[in-house]
Amino acid sequence: MNLSKNDYLCAHNQDVCTMKILIIEDEHQLSDSIRRYLESQRYLCEQAFDFADAKMKVGVYDYDCVLLDLMLPEGNGLDILREIRKRRNPVGVIIISGKDSLDDKLDGLQIGADDYLPKPFPLSELSMRIYALIRRKEFNANNILQSGDIAIDLLEREVRVGDVPLELTKTEYELLLFFLSNKGKAISKSAIAEHLSGEMADMLNSYDFIYSHIKNLKAKLAERGCTDNIKTIYGMGYKWMEA
């Protein structure tokens, strides 16, 4: 059953409100992975796997955010975007596409997309982009995710501790986002491995690479005085704690 966003009550992180997301993606496995992850973040998700269904849903139902693939069976995702903006629908739209060319990105942004995330992408990054977009549209907030002295500019992908930039590798940045998007929750080593390496996690003989990345991230944070954020939960994994 499809309901408007005002019919829902739930929480995402510490902001109390319900957010309904339409995932327009023809790759069923990817769409299902996105749905499961976002539902674990307390979003409500619907899916459309082809052009006709996507066009119908954006024309009839209300959403807080649309995740839009450009390559769809029997149509182009940019035409869906044109339909959304022609109706003066203010819904936030994030293009998720493997067509990572400058022309596609510019076309989408000029038509009215709010953000563009090329495939492949970590699910925590997608979650943070959605969170930043909804904050801007619904609460007039900025893109900055804050945890104590640590601030992440979600669109610029820049991390600062205080006023000083913190240089991280791509994996360290993704790991930090994963922790912050699950702060206060115990995260298993297998969940971290799956997040960082995807389906390859099932083929790993050990989690040594996780320990290495966490060690490096903790060391860089400690150099800036952030020593108590990543806690080891023995027998379980790790937990991000607010300073």
C-alpha atoms as a PDB file:
ATOM      1  CA  MET A   1       0.000   0.000   0.000  1.00  0.00           C
ATOM      2  CA  ASN A   2       1.291   3.492  -0.860  1.00  0.00           C
ATOM      3  CA  LEU A   3       0.801   6.316   1.624  1.00  0.00           C
ATOM      4  CA  SER A   4       1.856   9.935   1.693  1.00  0.00           C
ATOM      5  CA  LYS A   5       4.776  10.901   3.897  1.00  0.00           C
ATOM      6  CA  ASN A   6       2.470  12.512   6.461  1.00  0.00           C
ATOM      7  CA  ASP A   7       1.014   9.082   7.231  1.00  0.00           C
ATOM      8  CA  TYR A   8       4.243   7.799   8.754  1.00  0.00           C
ATOM      9  CA  LEU A   9       5.995   8.260  12.097  1.00  0.00           C
ATOM     10  CA  CYS A  10       9.516   6.944  12.637  1.00  0.00           C
ATOM     11  CA  ALA A  11      13.059   8.133  13.285  1.00  0.00           C
ATOM     12  CA  HIS A  12      16.293   8.367  11.325  1.00  0.00           C
ATOM     13  CA  ASN A  13      19.288   8.757  13.598  1.00  0.00           C
ATOM     14  CA  GLN A  14      18.305  11.573  15.989  1.00  0.00           C
ATOM     15  CA  ASP A  15      15.843  13.452  13.761  1.00  0.00           C
ATOM     16  CA  VAL A  16      12.237  12.376  14.337  1.00  0.00           C
ATOM     17  CA  CYS A  17      10.363  12.112  11.063  1.00  0.00           C
ATOM     18  CA  THR A  18       9.523   9.460   8.517  1.00  0.00           C
ATOM     19  CA  MET A  19      11.101   9.486   5.128  1.00  0.00           C
ATOM     20  CA  LYS A  20       9.724   7.601   2.154  1.00  0.00           C
ATOM     21  CA  ILE A  21      12.069   6.709  -0.684  1.00  0.00           C
ATOM     22  CA  LEU A  22      11.415   5.423  -4.201  1.00  0.00           C
ATOM     23  CA  ILE A  23      14.232   3.292  -5.621  1.00  0.00           C
ATOM     24  CA  ILE A  24      14.135   3.321  -9.431  1.00  0.00           C
ATOM     25  CA  GLU A  25      16.673   0.683 -10.425  1.00  0.00           C
ATOM     26  CA  ASP A  26      16.296  -2.183 -12.894  1.00  0.00           C
ATOM     27  CA  GLU A  27      19.020  -4.365 -11.339  1.00  0.00           C
ATOM     28  CA  HIS A  28      16.937  -6.331  -8.850  1.00  0.00           C
ATOM     29  CA  GLN A  29      19.858  -7.451  -6.699  1.00  0.00           C
ATOM     30  CA  LEU A  30      21.189  -3.917  -6.312  1.00  0.00           C
ATOM     31  CA  SER A  31      17.713  -2.501  -5.713  1.00  0.00           C
ATOM     32  CA  ASP A  32      17.034  -5.107  -3.026  1.00  0.00           C
ATOM     33  CA  SER A  33      20.387  -4.412  -1.349  1.00  0.00           C
ATOM     34  CA  ILE A  34      19.632  -0.675  -1.266  1.00  0.00           C
ATOM     35  CA  ARG A  35      16.142  -1.313   0.088  1.00  0.00           C
ATOM     36  CA  ARG A  36      17.340  -3.612   2.874  1.00  0.00           C
ATOM     37  CA  TYR A  37      20.068  -1.201   3.927  1.00  0.00           C
ATOM     38  CA  LEU A  38      17.824   1.867   3.932  1.00  0.00           C
ATOM     39  CA  GLU A  39      15.086   0.023   5.789  1.00  0.00           C
ATOM     40  CA  SER A  40      17.662  -0.837   8.451  1.00  0.00           C
ATOM     41  CA  GLN A  41      18.175   2.938   8.701  1.00  0.00           C
ATOM     42  CA  ARG A  42      14.403   3.324   9.327  1.00  0.00           C
ATOM     43  CA  TYR A  43      13.508   4.653   5.901  1.00  0.00           C
ATOM     44  CA  LEU A  44      10.375   3.397   4.162  1.00  0.00           C
ATOM     45  CA  CYS A  45      11.148   2.184   0.666  1.00  0.00           C
ATOM     46  CA  GLU A  46       9.293   1.377  -2.526  1.00  0.00           C
ATOM     47  CA  GLN A  47      10.817   0.005  -5.709  1.00  0.00           C
ATOM     48  CA  ALA A  48      10.283   0.454  -9.433  1.00  0.00           C
ATOM     49  CA  PHE A  49      12.180  -1.752 -11.864  1.00  0.00           C
ATOM     50  CA  ASP A  50      11.146  -0.306 -15.227  1.00  0.00           C
ATOM     51  CA  PHE A  51      10.291   2.996 -16.883  1.00  0.00           C
ATOM     52  CA  ALA A  52       6.501   2.596 -16.928  1.00  0.00           C
ATOM     53  CA  ASP A  53       6.180   1.672 -13.258  1.00  0.00           C
ATOM     54  CA  ALA A  54       8.567   4.451 -12.226  1.00  0.00           C
ATOM     55  CA  LYS A  55       6.661   7.056 -14.237  1.00  0.00           C
ATOM     56  CA  MET A  56       3.368   5.934 -12.723  1.00  0.00           C
ATOM     57  CA  LYS A  57       4.637   6.045  -9.148  1.00  0.00           C
ATOM     58  CA  VAL A  58       6.249   9.489  -9.337  1.00  0.00           C
ATOM     59  CA  GLY A  59       3.040  10.812 -10.896  1.00  0.00           C
ATOM     60  CA  VAL A  60       0.698   9.384  -8.272  1.00  0.00           C
ATOM     61  CA  TYR A  61       2.498   9.050  -4.933  1.00  0.00           C
ATOM     62  CA  ASP A  62       4.482  11.344  -2.654  1.00  0.00           C
ATOM     63  CA  TYR A  63       8.107  10.660  -1.754  1.00  0.00           C
ATOM     64  CA  ASP A  64      10.805  12.458   0.181  1.00  0.00           C
ATOM     65  CA  CYS A  65      13.573  11.199  -2.077  1.00  0.00           C
ATOM     66  CA  VAL A  66      13.852   9.395  -5.411  1.00  0.00           C
ATOM     67  CA  LEU A  67      16.917   7.326  -6.269  1.00  0.00           C
ATOM     68  CA  LEU A  68      17.037   7.331 -10.050  1.00  0.00           C
ATOM     69  CA  ASP A  69      18.983   5.079 -12.390  1.00  0.00           C
ATOM     70  CA  LEU A  70      19.401   6.531 -15.879  1.00  0.00           C
ATOM     71  CA  MET A  71      19.407   3.266 -17.841  1.00  0.00           C
ATOM     72  CA  LEU A  72      15.937   1.715 -17.541  1.00  0.00           C
ATOM     73  CA  PRO A  73      14.085  -0.884 -19.606  1.00  0.00           C
ATOM     74  CA  GLU A  74      11.998   0.894 -22.233  1.00  0.00           C
ATOM     75  CA  GLY A  75      13.055   4.383 -21.257  1.00  0.00           C
ATOM     76  CA  ASN A  76      15.569   6.926 -20.005  1.00  0.00           C
ATOM     77  CA  GLY A  77      15.745   7.979 -16.376  1.00  0.00           C
ATOM     78  CA  LEU A  78      16.230  11.598 -17.425  1.00  0.00           C
ATOM     79  CA  ASP A  79      12.690  11.541 -18.846  1.00  0.00           C
ATOM     80  CA  ILE A  80      11.428  10.490 -15.415  1.00  0.00           C
ATOM     81  CA  LEU A  81      13.308  13.446 -13.950  1.00  0.00           C
ATOM     82  CA  ARG A  82      11.768  15.794 -16.534  1.00  0.00           C
ATOM     83  CA  GLU A  83       8.308  14.486 -15.617  1.00  0.00           C
ATOM     84  CA  ILE A  84       8.970  15.102 -11.910  1.00  0.00           C
ATOM     85  CA  ARG A  85      10.116  18.682 -12.436  1.00  0.00           C
ATOM     86  CA  LYS A  86       7.424  19.446 -15.037  1.00  0.00           C
ATOM     87  CA  ARG A  87       4.881  18.759 -12.306  1.00  0.00           C
ATOM     88  CA  ARG A  88       6.803  21.149 -10.027  1.00  0.00           C
ATOM     89  CA  ASN A  89       7.306  18.280  -7.632  1.00  0.00           C
ATOM     90  CA  PRO A  90       9.937  19.366  -5.038  1.00  0.00           C
ATOM     91  CA  VAL A  91      10.978  15.796  -4.173  1.00  0.00           C
ATOM     92  CA  GLY A  92      14.717  15.297  -3.773  1.00  0.00           C
ATOM     93  CA  VAL A  93      16.270  13.309  -6.620  1.00  0.00           C
ATOM     94  CA  ILE A  94      19.620  11.540  -6.473  1.00  0.00           C
ATOM     95  CA  ILE A  95      20.832   9.999  -9.715  1.00  0.00           C
ATOM     96  CA  ILE A  96      22.515   6.629  -9.149  1.00  0.00           C
ATOM     97  CA  SER A  97      23.985   5.434 -12.386  1.00  0.00           C
ATOM     98  CA  GLY A  98      26.893   3.636 -13.962  1.00  0.00           C
ATOM     99  CA  LYS A  99      26.923   6.259 -16.728  1.00  0.00           C
ATOM    100  CA  ASP A 100      29.602   8.295 -15.015  1.00  0.00           C
ATOM    101  CA  SER A 101      30.193  10.814 -17.777  1.00  0.00           C
ATOM    102  CA  LEU A 102      30.315  14.563 -17.309  1.00  0.00           C
ATOM    103  CA  ASP A 103      27.525  15.098 -19.872  1.00  0.00           C
ATOM    104  CA  ASP A 104      25.133  12.765 -18.047  1.00  0.00           C
ATOM    105  CA  LYS A 105      25.887  14.427 -14.744  1.00  0.00           C
ATOM    106  CA  LEU A 106      25.409  17.930 -16.124  1.00  0.00           C
ATOM    107  CA  ASP A 107      22.210  16.967 -17.949  1.00  0.00           C
ATOM    108  CA  GLY A 108      20.754  15.515 -14.765  1.00  0.00           C
ATOM    109  CA  LEU A 109      21.685  18.498 -12.621  1.00  0.00           C
ATOM    110  CA  GLN A 110      20.412  20.983 -15.233  1.00  0.00           C
ATOM    111  CA  ILE A 111      17.063  19.185 -15.469  1.00  0.00           C
ATOM    112  CA  GLY A 112      16.706  19.290 -11.720  1.00  0.00           C
ATOM    113  CA  ALA A 113      18.520  16.446  -9.950  1.00  0.00           C
ATOM    114  CA  ASP A 114      19.851  17.352  -6.513  1.00  0.00           C
ATOM    115  CA  ASP A 115      22.840  15.018  -6.478  1.00  0.00           C
ATOM    116  CA  TYR A 116      24.660  12.417  -8.577  1.00  0.00           C
ATOM    117  CA  LEU A 117      26.286   9.261  -7.179  1.00  0.00           C
ATOM    118  CA  PRO A 118      28.097   7.048  -9.694  1.00  0.00           C
ATOM    119  CA  LYS A 119      28.066   3.268  -9.357  1.00  0.00           C
ATOM    120  CA  PRO A 120      29.530   1.439  -7.595  1.00  0.00           C
ATOM    121  CA  PHE A 121      29.045   3.231  -4.283  1.00  0.00           C
ATOM    122  CA  PRO A 122      29.082   2.236  -0.600  1.00  0.00           C
ATOM    123  CA  LEU A 123      25.612   2.083   0.876  1.00  0.00           C
ATOM    124  CA  SER A 124      26.650   4.245   3.821  1.00  0.00           C
ATOM    125  CA  GLU A 125      27.632   6.997   1.371  1.00  0.00           C
ATOM    126  CA  LEU A 126      24.220   6.745  -0.290  1.00  0.00           C
ATOM    127  CA  SER A 127      22.533   6.925   3.114  1.00  0.00           C
ATOM    128  CA  MET A 128      24.484  10.043   4.031  1.00  0.00           C
ATOM    129  CA  ARG A 129      23.649  11.701   0.693  1.00  0.00           C
ATOM    130  CA  ILE A 130      19.957  10.976   1.281  1.00  0.00           C
ATOM    131  CA  TYR A 131      20.170  12.259   4.835  1.00  0.00           C
ATOM    132  CA  ALA A 132      21.904  15.471   3.739  1.00  0.00           C
ATOM    133  CA  LEU A 133      19.382  16.029   0.945  1.00  0.00           C
ATOM    134  CA  ILE A 134      16.357  15.537   3.173  1.00  0.00           C
ATOM    135  CA  ARG A 135      17.853  17.767   5.862  1.00  0.00           C
ATOM    136  CA  ARG A 136      18.297  20.559   3.319  1.00  0.00           C
ATOM    137  CA  LYS A 137      14.803  20.215   1.850  1.00  0.00           C
ATOM    138  CA  GLU A 138      12.761  19.429   4.952  1.00  0.00           C
ATOM    139  CA  PHE A 139      14.645  21.183   7.714  1.00  0.00           C
ATOM    140  CA  ASN A 140      16.679  23.844   5.875  1.00  0.00           C
ATOM    141  CA  ALA A 141      19.807  22.279   7.360  1.00  0.00           C
ATOM    142  CA  ASN A 142      23.241  22.054   5.791  1.00  0.00           C
ATOM    143  CA  ASN A 143      25.260  19.085   4.548  1.00  0.00           C
ATOM    144  CA  ILE A 144      27.489  18.835   7.595  1.00  0.00           C
ATOM    145  CA  LEU A 145      27.367  15.652   9.644  1.00  0.00           C
ATOM    146  CA  GLN A 146      28.762  16.359  13.101  1.00  0.00           C
ATOM    147  CA  SER A 147      30.023  14.047  15.820  1.00  0.00           C
ATOM    148  CA  GLY A 148      31.803  15.952  18.564  1.00  0.00           C
ATOM    149  CA  ASP A 149      34.688  17.841  16.971  1.00  0.00           C
ATOM    150  CA  ILE A 150      34.501  15.717  13.819  1.00  0.00           C
ATOM    151  CA  ALA A 151      32.574  17.193  10.894  1.00  0.00           C
ATOM    152  CA  ILE A 152      31.933  15.569   7.503  1.00  0.00           C
ATOM    153  CA  ASP A 153      30.844  17.629   4.525  1.00  0.00           C
ATOM    154  CA  LEU A 154      28.733  14.972   2.833  1.00  0.00           C
ATOM    155  CA  LEU A 155      28.754  16.486  -0.650  1.00  0.00           C
ATOM    156  CA  GLU A 156      32.364  17.657  -0.711  1.00  0.00           C
ATOM    157  CA  ARG A 157      33.472  14.397   0.963  1.00  0.00           C
ATOM    158  CA  GLU A 158      35.685  16.418   3.279  1.00  0.00           C
ATOM    159  CA  VAL A 159      36.410  15.576   6.915  1.00  0.00           C
ATOM    160  CA  ARG A 160      37.479  18.150   9.490  1.00  0.00           C
ATOM    161  CA  VAL A 161      38.430  17.926  13.122  1.00  0.00           C
ATOM    162  CA  GLY A 162      37.794  21.357  14.513  1.00  0.00           C
ATOM    163  CA  ASP A 163      38.807  23.707  11.712  1.00  0.00           C
ATOM    164  CA  VAL A 164      41.560  21.481  10.312  1.00  0.00           C
ATOM    165  CA  PRO A 165      41.016  19.092   7.359  1.00  0.00           C
ATOM    166  CA  LEU A 166      41.663  15.413   8.067  1.00  0.00           C
ATOM    167  CA  GLU A 167      43.174  13.531   5.153  1.00  0.00           C
ATOM    168  CA  LEU A 168      41.696  10.043   4.796  1.00  0.00           C
ATOM    169  CA  THR A 169      41.979   7.354   2.161  1.00  0.00           C
ATOM    170  CA  LYS A 170      38.802   6.406   0.289  1.00  0.00           C
ATOM    171  CA  THR A 171      38.403   3.293   2.437  1.00  0.00           C
ATOM    172  CA  GLU A 172      39.000   5.201   5.663  1.00  0.00           C
ATOM    173  CA  TYR A 173      36.399   7.783   4.617  1.00  0.00           C
ATOM    174  CA  GLU A 174      33.866   5.057   3.816  1.00  0.00           C
ATOM    175  CA  LEU A 175      34.634   3.367   7.130  1.00  0.00           C
ATOM    176  CA  LEU A 176      34.142   6.628   9.033  1.00  0.00           C
ATOM    177  CA  LEU A 177      30.797   7.211   7.292  1.00  0.00           C
ATOM    178  CA  PHE A 178      29.748   3.662   8.112  1.00  0.00           C
ATOM    179  CA  PHE A 179      30.519   4.197  11.788  1.00  0.00           C
ATOM    180  CA  LEU A 180      28.746   7.541  11.970  1.00  0.00           C
ATOM    181  CA  SER A 181      25.675   6.255  10.147  1.00  0.00           C
ATOM    182  CA  ASN A 182      25.469   3.496  12.770  1.00  0.00           C
ATOM    183  CA  LYS A 183      26.686   5.439  15.794  1.00  0.00           C
ATOM    184  CA  GLY A 184      25.795   3.930  19.120  1.00  0.00           C
ATOM    185  CA  LYS A 185      25.232   0.506  17.519  1.00  0.00           C
ATOM    186  CA  ALA A 186      27.511  -2.509  17.790  1.00  0.00           C
ATOM    187  CA  ILE A 187      28.725  -3.372  14.274  1.00  0.00           C
ATOM    188  CA  SER A 188      30.031  -6.862  13.597  1.00  0.00           C
ATOM    189  CA  LYS A 189      33.310  -7.480  11.810  1.00  0.00           C
ATOM    190  CA  SER A 190      31.423  -9.366   9.104  1.00  0.00           C
ATOM    191  CA  ALA A 191      29.146  -6.354   8.511  1.00  0.00           C
ATOM    192  CA  ILE A 192      32.182  -4.090   8.149  1.00  0.00           C
ATOM    193  CA  ALA A 193      33.831  -6.589   5.800  1.00  0.00           C
ATOM    194  CA  GLU A 194      30.703  -6.780   3.638  1.00  0.00           C
ATOM    195  CA  HIS A 195      30.437  -3.004   3.568  1.00  0.00           C
ATOM    196  CA  LEU A 196      34.051  -2.513   2.491  1.00  0.00           C
ATOM    197  CA  SER A 197      34.381  -5.427   0.079  1.00  0.00           C
ATOM    198  CA  GLY A 198      30.830  -6.337  -0.947  1.00  0.00           C
ATOM    199  CA  GLU A 199      30.238  -9.893  -2.110  1.00  0.00           C
ATOM    200  CA  MET A 200      33.962 -10.614  -1.801  1.00  0.00           C
ATOM    201  CA  ALA A 201      33.492 -10.712   1.981  1.00  0.00           C
ATOM    202  CA  ASP A 202      32.241 -14.298   1.752  1.00  0.00           C
ATOM    203  CA  MET A 203      35.578 -15.329   0.210  1.00  0.00           C
ATOM    204  CA  LEU A 204      37.787 -13.810   2.894  1.00  0.00           C
ATOM    205  CA  ASN A 205      39.751 -16.102   5.185  1.00  0.00           C
ATOM    206  CA  SER A 206      40.272 -13.444   7.853  1.00  0.00           C
ATOM    207  CA  TYR A 207      39.353  -9.910   8.819  1.00  0.00           C
ATOM    208  CA  ASP A 208      42.928  -8.670   9.000  1.00  0.00           C
ATOM    209  CA  PHE A 209      42.249  -5.943   6.441  1.00  0.00           C
ATOM    210  CA  ILE A 210      39.497  -4.566   8.702  1.00  0.00           C
ATOM    211  CA  TYR A 211      41.843  -4.337  11.660  1.00  0.00           C
ATOM    212  CA  SER A 212      44.358  -2.514   9.481  1.00  0.00           C
ATOM    213  CA  HIS A 213      41.884   0.114   8.247  1.00  0.00           C
ATOM    214  CA  ILE A 214      40.404   0.643  11.708  1.00  0.00           C
ATOM    215  CA  LYS A 215      43.872   0.948  13.215  1.00  0.00           C
ATOM    216  CA  ASN A 216      44.851   3.572  10.633  1.00  0.00           C
ATOM    217  CA  LEU A 217      41.603   5.505  11.071  1.00  0.00           C
ATOM    218  CA  LYS A 218      41.931   5.476  14.860  1.00  0.00           C
ATOM    219  CA  ALA A 219      45.535   6.659  14.604  1.00  0.00           C
ATOM    220  CA  LYS A 220      44.599   9.614  12.387  1.00  0.00           C
ATOM    221  CA  LEU A 221      41.754  10.578  14.701  1.00  0.00           C
ATOM    222  CA  ALA A 222      43.972  10.226  17.757  1.00  0.00           C
ATOM    223  CA  GLU A 223      46.491  12.641  16.232  1.00  0.00           C
ATOM    224  CA  ARG A 224      43.693  15.239  16.399  1.00  0.00           C
ATOM    225  CA  GLY A 225      42.730  14.356  19.951  1.00  0.00           C
ATOM    226  CA  CYS A 226      39.792  12.065  19.094  1.00  0.00           C
ATOM    227  CA  THR A 227      40.779   8.969  21.035  1.00  0.00           C
ATOM    228  CA  ASP A 228      37.535   7.544  22.395  1.00  0.00           C
ATOM    229  CA  ASN A 229      35.174   7.328  19.432  1.00  0.00           C
ATOM    230  CA  ILE A 230      35.802   3.810  18.090  1.00  0.00           C
ATOM    231  CA  LYS A 231      35.225   1.263  20.832  1.00  0.00           C
ATOM    232  CA  THR A 232      36.025  -2.429  20.519  1.00  0.00           C
ATOM    233  CA  ILE A 233      33.129  -4.615  21.630  1.00  0.00           C
ATOM    234  CA  TYR A 234      34.836  -7.886  22.427  1.00  0.00           C
ATOM    235  CA  GLY A 235      33.256 -10.897  20.788  1.00  0.00           C
ATOM    236  CA  MET A 236      31.046  -8.657  18.626  1.00  0.00           C
ATOM    237  CA  GLY A 237      32.871  -5.932  16.716  1.00  0.00           C
ATOM    238  CA  TYR A 238      33.008  -2.150  17.086  1.00  0.00           C
ATOM    239  CA  LYS A 239      30.850   0.786  18.102  1.00  0.00           C
ATOM    240  CA  TRP A 240      31.098   4.519  17.366  1.00  0.00           C
ATOM    241  CA  MET A 241      30.611   6.575  20.505  1.00  0.00           C
ATOM    242  CA  GLU A 242      29.930  10.307  20.717  1.00  0.00           C
ATOM    243  CA  ALA A 243      32.753  12.111  22.485  1.00  0.00           C
END
